[in-house]
C-alpha atoms as a PDB file:
ATOM      1  CA  LYS A   1     124.567  94.866  94.709  1.00  0.00           C
ATOM      2  CA  TYR A   2     128.137  95.334  95.821  1.00  0.00           C
ATOM      3  CA  GLU A   3     129.286  96.530  92.365  1.00  0.00           C
ATOM      4  CA  THR A   4     126.289  98.985  92.308  1.00  0.00           C
ATOM      5  CA  GLU A   5     127.291 100.574  95.602  1.00  0.00           C
ATOM      6  CA  ILE A   6     130.828 101.061  94.282  1.00  0.00           C
ATOM      7  CA  HIS A   7     129.651 102.529  91.009  1.00  0.00           C
ATOM      8  CA  ASN A   8     127.182 104.916  92.693  1.00  0.00           C
ATOM      9  CA  TYR A   9     129.918 106.143  95.108  1.00  0.00           C
ATOM     10  CA  PHE A  10     132.356 106.912  92.317  1.00  0.00           C
ATOM     11  CA  THR A  11     129.804 108.672  90.096  1.00  0.00           C
ATOM     12  CA  SER A  12     128.064 110.685  92.827  1.00  0.00           C
ATOM     13  CA  ASP A  13     130.111 113.832  92.165  1.00  0.00           C
ATOM     14  CA  GLU A  14     129.336 114.004  88.434  1.00  0.00           C
ATOM     15  CA  ILE A  15     128.095 117.354  87.142  1.00  0.00           C
ATOM     16  CA  GLY A  16     124.666 116.900  85.477  1.00  0.00           C
ATOM     17  CA  LEU A  17     123.035 113.540  84.966  1.00  0.00           C
ATOM     18  CA  PRO A  18     125.139 110.416  84.986  1.00  0.00           C
ATOM     19  CA  GLU A  19     126.235 108.643  81.744  1.00  0.00           C
ATOM     20  CA  LYS A  20     125.354 105.242  83.276  1.00  0.00           C
ATOM     21  CA  ILE A  21     122.749 104.311  85.909  1.00  0.00           C
ATOM     22  CA  ASN A  22     122.825 101.122  87.935  1.00  0.00           C
ATOM     23  CA  ILE A  23     119.905 100.434  90.196  1.00  0.00           C
ATOM     24  CA  ASN A  24     119.257  97.353  92.328  1.00  0.00           C
ATOM     25  CA  LEU A  25     115.643  96.939  93.214  1.00  0.00           C
ATOM     26  CA  GLU A  26     113.891  94.529  95.607  1.00  0.00           C
ATOM     27  CA  LYS A  27     110.197  93.773  95.695  1.00  0.00           C
ATOM     28  CA  SER A  28     108.646  95.512  98.640  1.00  0.00           C
ATOM     29  CA  MET A  29     105.108  94.331  98.198  1.00  0.00           C
ATOM     30  CA  ASP A  30     102.814  92.650  95.698  1.00  0.00           C
ATOM     31  CA  LEU A  31      99.827  94.777  94.686  1.00  0.00           C
ATOM     32  CA  ARG A  32      96.360  93.422  94.138  1.00  0.00           C
ATOM     33  CA  TYR A  33      96.561  94.211  90.433  1.00  0.00           C
ATOM     34  CA  GLY A  34      97.978  96.755  88.041  1.00  0.00           C
ATOM     35  CA  GLU A  35      96.302  99.721  86.311  1.00  0.00           C
ATOM     36  CA  ASN A  36      93.580  97.239  85.229  1.00  0.00           C
ATOM     37  CA  PRO A  37      92.364  94.095  87.060  1.00  0.00           C
ATOM     38  CA  HIS A  38      93.981  91.695  84.555  1.00  0.00           C
ATOM     39  CA  GLN A  39      97.484  93.150  85.035  1.00  0.00           C
ATOM     40  CA  LYS A  40      99.896  91.932  87.698  1.00  0.00           C
ATOM     41  CA  ALA A  41     101.839  94.607  89.669  1.00  0.00           C
ATOM     42  CA  ALA A  42     104.250  95.049  92.511  1.00  0.00           C
ATOM     43  CA  PHE A  43     106.064  97.928  94.303  1.00  0.00           C
ATOM     44  CA  TYR A  44     109.907  97.937  94.349  1.00  0.00           C
ATOM     45  CA  ILE A  45     112.437  99.925  96.291  1.00  0.00           C
ATOM     46  CA  GLU A  46     116.246 100.304  96.039  1.00  0.00           C
ATOM     47  CA  SER A  47     118.241  97.831  98.050  1.00  0.00           C
ATOM     48  CA  ASN A  48     119.135  98.992 101.554  1.00  0.00           C
ATOM     49  CA  LYS A  49     116.503 101.748 101.434  1.00  0.00           C
ATOM     50  CA  PHE A  50     113.061 102.144 102.989  1.00  0.00           C
ATOM     51  CA  PRO A  51     109.942 103.765 101.505  1.00  0.00           C
ATOM     52  CA  ASN A  52     109.619 107.440 102.295  1.00  0.00           C
ATOM     53  CA  TRP A  53     106.077 106.951 103.419  1.00  0.00           C
ATOM     54  CA  THR A  54     104.181 104.939 106.092  1.00  0.00           C
ATOM     55  CA  GLN A  55     100.690 103.424 105.847  1.00  0.00           C
ATOM     56  CA  HIS A  56      98.856 103.781 109.166  1.00  0.00           C
ATOM     57  CA  HIS A  57      95.429 102.455 108.248  1.00  0.00           C
ATOM     58  CA  GLY A  58      93.221 100.973 105.574  1.00  0.00           C
ATOM     59  CA  LYS A  59      93.351  98.187 102.990  1.00  0.00           C
ATOM     60  CA  GLU A  60      96.391  97.458 100.823  1.00  0.00           C
ATOM     61  CA  LEU A  61      97.436  99.994  98.202  1.00  0.00           C
ATOM     62  CA  SER A  62      96.842  99.526  94.557  1.00  0.00           C
ATOM     63  CA  TYR A  63      98.937 100.494  91.529  1.00  0.00           C
ATOM     64  CA  ASN A  64      96.698 103.449  90.769  1.00  0.00           C
ATOM     65  CA  ASN A  65      96.826 104.504  94.441  1.00  0.00           C
ATOM     66  CA  PHE A  66     100.647 104.892  94.171  1.00  0.00           C
ATOM     67  CA  THR A  67     100.530 107.067  91.126  1.00  0.00           C
ATOM     68  CA  ASP A  68      97.662 109.227  92.395  1.00  0.00           C
ATOM     69  CA  MET A  69      99.152 109.618  95.894  1.00  0.00           C
ATOM     70  CA  GLU A  70     102.398 110.968  94.445  1.00  0.00           C
ATOM     71  CA  SER A  71     100.529 113.546  92.345  1.00  0.00           C
ATOM     72  CA  ALA A  72      98.244 114.628  95.165  1.00  0.00           C
ATOM     73  CA  TYR A  73     101.067 115.103  97.605  1.00  0.00           C
ATOM     74  CA  LEU A  74     103.666 116.771  95.300  1.00  0.00           C
ATOM     75  CA  ILE A  75     101.137 119.285  94.020  1.00  0.00           C
ATOM     76  CA  THR A  76     100.630 120.605  97.595  1.00  0.00           C
ATOM     77  CA  GLN A  77     104.378 120.763  98.210  1.00  0.00           C
ATOM     78  CA  GLU A  78     104.626 123.718  95.838  1.00  0.00           C
ATOM     79  CA  PHE A  79     102.879 125.936  98.454  1.00  0.00           C
ATOM     80  CA  ASP A  80     103.889 127.221 101.874  1.00  0.00           C
ATOM     81  CA  SER A  81     100.286 128.057 102.912  1.00  0.00           C
ATOM     82  CA  PRO A  82      97.937 125.168 103.810  1.00  0.00           C
ATOM     83  CA  ALA A  83      96.982 123.411 100.541  1.00  0.00           C
ATOM     84  CA  CYS A  84      94.840 120.520  99.440  1.00  0.00           C
ATOM     85  CA  SER A  85      94.953 118.606  96.155  1.00  0.00           C
ATOM     86  CA  ILE A  86      92.412 115.929  94.947  1.00  0.00           C
ATOM     87  CA  ILE A  87      93.326 113.367  92.324  1.00  0.00           C
ATOM     88  CA  LYS A  88      90.806 111.039  90.682  1.00  0.00           C
ATOM     89  CA  HIS A  89      91.976 108.519  88.171  1.00  0.00           C
ATOM     90  CA  ALA A  90      95.304 110.322  87.494  1.00  0.00           C
ATOM     91  CA  ASN A  91      93.537 113.646  86.956  1.00  0.00           C
ATOM     92  CA  PRO A  92      93.539 116.623  89.291  1.00  0.00           C
ATOM     93  CA  CYS A  93      89.894 117.460  89.978  1.00  0.00           C
ATOM     94  CA  GLY A  94      90.302 119.895  92.842  1.00  0.00           C
ATOM     95  CA  PHE A  95      92.743 122.185  94.508  1.00  0.00           C
ATOM     96  CA  GLY A  96      92.428 124.682  97.323  1.00  0.00           C
ATOM     97  CA  ILE A  97      94.669 126.969  99.366  1.00  0.00           C
ATOM     98  CA  ASP A  98      93.762 128.899 102.444  1.00  0.00           C
ATOM     99  CA  GLU A  99      95.062 130.056 105.883  1.00  0.00           C
ATOM    100  CA  ASN A 100      93.710 126.842 107.396  1.00  0.00           C
ATOM    101  CA  LEU A 101      93.724 123.348 106.159  1.00  0.00           C
ATOM    102  CA  LYS A 102      89.974 122.708 106.550  1.00  0.00           C
ATOM    103  CA  ASN A 103      89.136 125.651 104.304  1.00  0.00           C
ATOM    104  CA  ALA A 104      91.795 124.578 101.796  1.00  0.00           C
ATOM    105  CA  TYR A 105      90.104 121.214 101.649  1.00  0.00           C
ATOM    106  CA  LEU A 106      86.643 122.701 101.262  1.00  0.00           C
ATOM    107  CA  ARG A 107      87.855 124.922  98.493  1.00  0.00           C
ATOM    108  CA  ALA A 108      89.391 121.932  96.700  1.00  0.00           C
ATOM    109  CA  VAL A 109      86.103 120.050  96.988  1.00  0.00           C
ATOM    110  CA  SER A 110      84.177 123.056  95.621  1.00  0.00           C
ATOM    111  CA  ALA A 111      86.261 122.930  92.356  1.00  0.00           C
ATOM    112  CA  ASP A 112      84.368 119.700  91.379  1.00  0.00           C
ATOM    113  CA  PRO A 113      82.021 118.479  94.132  1.00  0.00           C
ATOM    114  CA  ILE A 114      81.079 115.374  92.164  1.00  0.00           C
ATOM    115  CA  SER A 115      84.331 114.053  90.723  1.00  0.00           C
ATOM    116  CA  TYR A 116      86.249 114.029  93.995  1.00  0.00           C
ATOM    117  CA  PHE A 117      84.094 111.114  95.270  1.00  0.00           C
ATOM    118  CA  GLY A 118      86.468 108.172  95.712  1.00  0.00           C
ATOM    119  CA  GLY A 119      89.527 110.322  95.117  1.00  0.00           C
ATOM    120  CA  ILE A 120      92.928 110.642  96.706  1.00  0.00           C
ATOM    121  CA  ILE A 121      93.386 113.664  98.970  1.00  0.00           C
ATOM    122  CA  GLY A 122      96.821 115.224  99.477  1.00  0.00           C
ATOM    123  CA  PHE A 123      97.837 117.859 102.024  1.00  0.00           C
ATOM    124  CA  ASN A 124     101.035 119.748 102.776  1.00  0.00           C
ATOM    125  CA  LYS A 125     100.271 120.157 106.523  1.00  0.00           C
ATOM    126  CA  MET A 126      99.411 117.939 109.436  1.00  0.00           C
ATOM    127  CA  VAL A 127      95.814 116.775 109.308  1.00  0.00           C
ATOM    128  CA  ASP A 128      94.108 117.669 112.608  1.00  0.00           C
ATOM    129  CA  GLU A 129      90.740 116.590 114.157  1.00  0.00           C
ATOM    130  CA  GLU A 130      88.829 119.435 112.612  1.00  0.00           C
ATOM    131  CA  VAL A 131      89.917 118.460 109.058  1.00  0.00           C
ATOM    132  CA  ALA A 132      89.401 114.775 109.821  1.00  0.00           C
ATOM    133  CA  ASN A 133      85.751 115.395 110.785  1.00  0.00           C
ATOM    134  CA  GLU A 134      85.281 116.738 107.245  1.00  0.00           C
ATOM    135  CA  LEU A 135      87.231 113.950 105.592  1.00  0.00           C
ATOM    136  CA  ILE A 136      84.972 111.178 106.922  1.00  0.00           C
ATOM    137  CA  LYS A 137      81.791 112.600 105.341  1.00  0.00           C
ATOM    138  CA  PRO A 138      82.418 111.458 101.731  1.00  0.00           C
ATOM    139  CA  PHE A 139      83.853 108.220 100.385  1.00  0.00           C
ATOM    140  CA  LEU A 140      87.566 108.667  99.776  1.00  0.00           C
ATOM    141  CA  GLU A 141      90.243 106.144  98.742  1.00  0.00           C
ATOM    142  CA  CYS A 142      93.291 107.637 100.443  1.00  0.00           C
ATOM    143  CA  ILE A 143      94.592 110.635 102.386  1.00  0.00           C
ATOM    144  CA  ILE A 144      98.317 111.446 102.179  1.00  0.00           C
ATOM    145  CA  ALA A 145      99.871 114.135 104.395  1.00  0.00           C
ATOM    146  CA  PRO A 146     103.052 114.892 106.275  1.00  0.00           C
ATOM    147  CA  SER A 147     101.409 113.659 109.424  1.00  0.00           C
ATOM    148  CA  PHE A 148      98.108 113.135 111.345  1.00  0.00           C
ATOM    149  CA  SER A 149      97.330 114.247 114.865  1.00  0.00           C
ATOM    150  CA  PRO A 150      96.378 111.393 117.283  1.00  0.00           C
ATOM    151  CA  LYS A 151      92.836 112.705 117.429  1.00  0.00           C
ATOM    152  CA  ALA A 152      92.573 112.950 113.643  1.00  0.00           C
ATOM    153  CA  MET A 153      93.832 109.383 113.354  1.00  0.00           C
ATOM    154  CA  LYS A 154      91.186 108.132 115.791  1.00  0.00           C
ATOM    155  CA  VAL A 155      88.411 109.844 113.772  1.00  0.00           C
ATOM    156  CA  LEU A 156      89.694 108.679 110.382  1.00  0.00           C
ATOM    157  CA  GLN A 157      90.183 105.042 111.536  1.00  0.00           C
ATOM    158  CA  ASN A 158      86.433 104.824 111.825  1.00  0.00           C
ATOM    159  CA  LYS A 159      86.478 104.304 108.072  1.00  0.00           C
ATOM    160  CA  LYS A 160      87.661 100.756 107.815  1.00  0.00           C
ATOM    161  CA  ASN A 161      89.147 100.789 104.216  1.00  0.00           C
ATOM    162  CA  LEU A 162      90.359 104.486 104.178  1.00  0.00           C
ATOM    163  CA  ARG A 163      94.116 104.442 103.528  1.00  0.00           C
ATOM    164  CA  LEU A 164      96.087 106.860 105.681  1.00  0.00           C
ATOM    165  CA  ILE A 165      99.606 107.649 104.522  1.00  0.00           C
ATOM    166  CA  SER A 166     102.151 109.894 106.127  1.00  0.00           C
ATOM    167  CA  VAL A 167     105.317 111.092 104.154  1.00  0.00           C
ATOM    168  CA  ASN A 168     108.913 111.464 105.266  1.00  0.00           C
ATOM    169  CA  ASP A 169     110.552 113.869 102.743  1.00  0.00           C
ATOM    170  CA  ASP A 170     114.040 112.991 104.014  1.00  0.00           C
ATOM    171  CA  ASN A 171     114.121 110.108 101.480  1.00  0.00           C
ATOM    172  CA  ASN A 172     112.510 111.670  98.573  1.00  0.00           C
ATOM    173  CA  GLY A 173     115.516 111.866  96.274  1.00  0.00           C
ATOM    174  CA  ILE A 174     116.654 114.593  93.874  1.00  0.00           C
ATOM    175  CA  THR A 175     115.817 112.909  90.575  1.00  0.00           C
ATOM    176  CA  SER A 176     112.816 111.130  89.139  1.00  0.00           C
ATOM    177  CA  MET A 177     112.742 108.253  86.677  1.00  0.00           C
ATOM    178  CA  LYS A 178     109.971 107.110  84.409  1.00  0.00           C
ATOM    179  CA  SER A 179     109.660 104.259  81.933  1.00  0.00           C
ATOM    180  CA  VAL A 180     108.542 105.147  78.433  1.00  0.00           C
ATOM    181  CA  ALA A 181     108.362 103.216  75.170  1.00  0.00           C
ATOM    182  CA  GLY A 182     111.706 101.539  74.744  1.00  0.00           C
ATOM    183  CA  GLY A 183     113.572 103.236  77.544  1.00  0.00           C
ATOM    184  CA  TYR A 184     113.599 105.472  80.663  1.00  0.00           C
ATOM    185  CA  LEU A 185     113.498 109.168  81.326  1.00  0.00           C
ATOM    186  CA  LEU A 186     115.490 110.791  84.161  1.00  0.00           C
ATOM    187  CA  GLN A 187     115.202 114.362  85.267  1.00  0.00           C
ATOM    188  CA  ASP A 188     116.004 116.637  88.216  1.00  0.00           C
ATOM    189  CA  LYS A 189     113.063 117.186  90.512  1.00  0.00           C
ATOM    190  CA  ASP A 190     111.552 120.662  90.334  1.00  0.00           C
ATOM    191  CA  PHE A 191     112.637 122.422  93.498  1.00  0.00           C
ATOM    192  CA  ASN A 192     112.536 125.949  92.024  1.00  0.00           C
ATOM    193  CA  SER A 193     110.253 128.507  93.589  1.00  0.00           C
ATOM    194  CA  TYR A 194     109.020 131.315  91.405  1.00  0.00           C
ATOM    195  CA  ASP A 195     108.080 134.929  91.963  1.00  0.00           C
ATOM    196  CA  PHE A 196     105.071 135.692  89.786  1.00  0.00           C
ATOM    197  CA  ASN A 197     106.458 139.222  89.187  1.00  0.00           C
ATOM    198  CA  ASP A 198     109.534 137.715  87.425  1.00  0.00           C
ATOM    199  CA  LEU A 199     107.574 135.486  85.038  1.00  0.00           C
ATOM    200  CA  THR A 200     107.112 136.547  81.385  1.00  0.00           C
END
Protein backbone atom coordinates (compact mmCIF):
# COMPACT_ATOMS: atom_id res chain seq x y z
CA LYS A 1 0.00 0.00 0.00
CA TYR A 2 2.83 2.36 0.95
CA GLU A 3 4.82 1.57 -2.22
CA THR A 4 1.69 2.04 -4.35
CA GLU A 5 1.14 5.53 -2.93
CA ILE A 6 4.75 6.46 -3.74
CA HIS A 7 4.52 5.02 -7.26
CA ASN A 8 1.24 6.80 -8.01
CA TYR A 9 2.66 10.10 -6.76
CA PHE A 10 5.75 9.97 -9.00
CA THR A 11 3.84 8.82 -12.10
CA SER A 12 0.90 11.22 -11.79
CA ASP A 13 2.42 13.79 -14.16
CA GLU A 14 3.01 11.38 -17.04
CA ILE A 15 1.64 12.43 -20.41
CA GLY A 16 -0.76 9.84 -21.76
CA LEU A 17 -1.47 6.57 -20.01
CA PRO A 18 1.08 5.15 -17.54
CA GLU A 19 3.53 2.39 -18.48
CA LYS A 20 2.75 0.58 -15.23
CA ILE A 21 -0.33 0.55 -13.04
CA ASN A 22 -0.36 -0.42 -9.38
CA ILE A 23 -3.73 -0.63 -7.68
CA ASN A 24 -4.44 -1.68 -4.12
CA LEU A 25 -8.02 -2.85 -3.68
CA GLU A 26 -9.98 -3.70 -0.56
CA LYS A 27 -13.26 -5.57 -0.40
CA SER A 28 -16.08 -3.13 0.27
CA MET A 29 -18.92 -5.64 0.29
CA ASP A 30 -19.85 -9.19 -0.61
CA LEU A 31 -22.61 -9.47 -3.19
CA ARG A 32 -25.39 -12.04 -3.09
CA TYR A 33 -23.99 -13.63 -6.27
CA GLY A 34 -22.34 -12.74 -9.55
CA GLU A 35 -23.79 -12.42 -13.02
CA ASN A 36 -25.43 -15.81 -12.46
CA PRO A 37 -26.60 -17.33 -9.15
CA HIS A 38 -23.81 -19.95 -9.04
CA GLN A 39 -21.05 -17.30 -9.22
CA LYS A 40 -19.52 -15.61 -6.18
CA ALA A 41 -18.97 -11.85 -6.38
CA ALA A 42 -17.80 -8.86 -4.33
CA PHE A 43 -17.36 -5.11 -4.78
CA TYR A 44 -13.87 -3.65 -4.28
CA ILE A 45 -12.60 -0.09 -3.98
CA GLU A 46 -9.14 1.44 -3.89
CA SER A 47 -7.52 1.69 -0.46
CA ASN A 48 -8.18 4.97 1.34
CA LYS A 49 -11.04 5.84 -1.02
CA PHE A 50 -14.79 5.75 -0.66
CA PRO A 51 -17.46 4.81 -3.20
CA ASN A 52 -18.73 7.73 -5.26
CA TRP A 53 -22.32 6.69 -4.53
CA THR A 54 -24.60 6.25 -1.50
CA GLN A 55 -27.42 3.73 -1.10
CA HIS A 56 -30.33 5.28 0.78
CA HIS A 57 -32.88 2.50 0.64
CA GLY A 58 -33.66 -0.99 -0.60
CA LYS A 59 -32.13 -4.43 -0.51
CA GLU A 60 -28.45 -5.10 -1.13
CA LEU A 61 -27.02 -4.52 -4.59
CA SER A 62 -26.22 -7.34 -6.97
CA TYR A 63 -23.39 -7.73 -9.50
CA ASN A 64 -25.77 -6.92 -12.37
CA ASN A 65 -27.12 -3.90 -10.48
CA PHE A 66 -23.64 -2.36 -10.41
CA THR A 67 -23.05 -2.71 -14.15
CA ASP A 68 -26.54 -1.53 -15.09
CA MET A 69 -26.45 1.41 -12.66
CA GLU A 70 -23.24 2.71 -14.19
CA SER A 71 -24.68 2.53 -17.72
CA ALA A 72 -28.00 4.13 -16.73
CA TYR A 73 -26.32 7.03 -14.96
CA LEU A 74 -23.48 7.72 -17.41
CA ILE A 75 -25.81 7.84 -20.43
CA THR A 76 -27.79 10.68 -18.84
CA GLN A 77 -24.60 12.60 -17.99
CA GLU A 78 -24.10 13.28 -21.70
CA PHE A 79 -27.00 15.79 -21.59
CA ASP A 80 -27.63 19.15 -19.94
CA SER A 81 -31.42 18.98 -20.24
CA PRO A 82 -33.34 16.63 -17.91
CA ALA A 83 -32.71 13.09 -19.15
CA CYS A 84 -33.71 9.56 -18.19
CA SER A 85 -32.14 6.26 -19.23
CA ILE A 86 -33.52 2.77 -18.59
CA ILE A 87 -31.27 -0.29 -18.58
CA LYS A 88 -32.53 -3.88 -18.46
CA HIS A 89 -30.09 -6.79 -18.34
CA ALA A 90 -27.19 -4.67 -19.63
CA ASN A 91 -29.22 -3.28 -22.57
CA PRO A 92 -30.64 0.22 -22.94
CA CYS A 93 -34.39 -0.19 -23.49
CA GLY A 94 -35.48 3.41 -23.05
CA PHE A 95 -34.22 6.96 -23.15
CA GLY A 96 -35.98 10.29 -22.90
CA ILE A 97 -35.09 13.96 -22.74
CA ASP A 98 -37.39 16.89 -22.00
CA GLU A 99 -37.59 20.23 -20.22
CA ASN A 100 -38.74 18.48 -17.04
CA LEU A 101 -37.65 15.18 -15.52
CA LYS A 102 -41.12 13.63 -15.31
CA ASN A 103 -41.65 13.97 -19.06
CA ALA A 104 -38.14 12.69 -19.74
CA TYR A 105 -38.99 9.56 -17.72
CA LEU A 106 -42.33 9.09 -19.50
CA ARG A 107 -40.62 9.41 -22.88
CA ALA A 108 -38.03 6.81 -21.85
CA VAL A 109 -40.82 4.42 -20.82
CA SER A 110 -42.66 4.99 -24.11
CA ALA A 111 -39.61 3.72 -26.03
CA ASP A 112 -40.36 0.19 -24.75
CA PRO A 113 -43.25 0.10 -22.28
CA ILE A 114 -42.81 -3.65 -21.68
CA SER A 115 -39.07 -4.23 -21.32
CA TYR A 116 -38.49 -1.50 -18.74
CA PHE A 117 -40.35 -3.58 -16.11
CA GLY A 118 -37.78 -4.51 -13.45
CA GLY A 119 -35.18 -2.20 -14.95
CA ILE A 120 -32.64 0.28 -13.64
CA ILE A 121 -33.59 3.94 -14.04
CA GLY A 122 -30.92 6.64 -14.32
CA PHE A 123 -31.43 10.42 -14.12
CA ASN A 124 -29.13 13.42 -14.52
CA LYS A 125 -31.14 15.72 -12.23
CA MET A 126 -32.57 15.56 -8.72
CA VAL A 127 -35.65 13.32 -8.43
CA ASP A 128 -38.55 15.28 -6.94
CA GLU A 129 -41.92 14.20 -5.56
CA GLU A 130 -43.70 14.52 -8.91
CA VAL A 131 -41.26 12.12 -10.57
CA ALA A 132 -41.30 9.81 -7.54
CA ASN A 133 -45.08 9.40 -7.83
CA GLU A 134 -44.55 8.03 -11.35
CA LEU A 135 -41.66 5.80 -10.33
CA ILE A 136 -43.65 3.87 -7.72
CA LYS A 137 -46.25 2.69 -10.25
CA PRO A 138 -44.18 -0.07 -11.96
CA PHE A 139 -41.83 -2.64 -10.50
CA LEU A 140 -38.27 -1.25 -10.72
CA GLU A 141 -35.00 -2.65 -9.38
CA CYS A 142 -33.09 0.56 -8.79
CA ILE A 143 -33.12 4.33 -9.30
CA ILE A 144 -29.83 6.20 -9.57
CA ALA A 145 -29.66 10.00 -9.65
CA PRO A 146 -27.54 12.90 -8.40
CA SER A 147 -29.96 13.34 -5.48
CA PHE A 148 -33.53 12.86 -4.21
CA SER A 149 -35.69 15.49 -2.56
CA PRO A 150 -36.88 14.61 0.98
CA LYS A 151 -40.47 14.28 -0.27
CA ALA A 152 -39.39 12.04 -3.16
CA MET A 153 -37.44 9.86 -0.74
CA LYS A 154 -40.50 9.46 1.45
CA VAL A 155 -42.63 8.40 -1.53
CA LEU A 156 -40.06 5.97 -2.91
CA GLN A 157 -39.33 4.34 0.44
CA ASN A 158 -42.85 2.91 0.36
CA LYS A 159 -41.37 0.31 -2.00
CA LYS A 160 -39.50 -1.92 0.44
CA ASN A 161 -36.93 -3.42 -1.94
CA LEU A 162 -36.45 -0.50 -4.34
CA ARG A 163 -32.80 0.54 -4.30
CA LEU A 164 -32.22 4.30 -4.19
CA ILE A 165 -28.73 5.45 -5.11
CA SER A 166 -27.33 8.99 -5.21
CA VAL A 167 -24.03 9.79 -6.93
CA ASN A 168 -21.20 12.11 -5.98
CA ASP A 169 -19.28 12.88 -9.19
CA ASP A 170 -16.33 14.32 -7.26
CA ASN A 171 -14.83 10.84 -7.00
CA ASN A 172 -15.58 9.51 -10.46
CA GLY A 173 -11.99 9.41 -11.80
CA ILE A 174 -10.68 10.29 -15.25
CA THR A 175 -9.95 6.78 -16.56
CA SER A 176 -11.87 3.53 -16.72
CA MET A 177 -10.49 0.00 -16.51
CA LYS A 178 -12.07 -3.23 -17.68
CA SER A 179 -10.90 -6.82 -17.52
CA VAL A 180 -10.87 -8.75 -20.78
CA ALA A 181 -9.53 -12.15 -21.78
CA GLY A 182 -5.98 -12.32 -20.50
CA GLY A 183 -5.57 -8.71 -19.42
CA TYR A 184 -7.06 -5.29 -18.78
CA LEU A 185 -8.11 -2.29 -20.85
CA LEU A 186 -7.57 1.27 -19.65
CA GLN A 187 -8.91 4.37 -21.37
CA ASP A 188 -9.65 8.04 -20.74
CA LYS A 189 -13.28 8.66 -19.87
CA ASP A 190 -15.22 10.44 -22.60
CA PHE A 191 -15.69 14.01 -21.42
CA ASN A 192 -15.94 15.52 -24.90
CA SER A 193 -19.05 17.44 -25.86
CA TYR A 194 -19.96 17.59 -29.53
CA ASP A 195 -21.68 20.08 -31.74
CA PHE A 196 -23.81 18.15 -34.23
CA ASN A 197 -23.02 20.77 -36.88
CA ASP A 198 -19.32 19.83 -36.68
CA LEU A 199 -19.83 16.09 -37.14
CA THR A 200 -19.15 14.46 -40.52
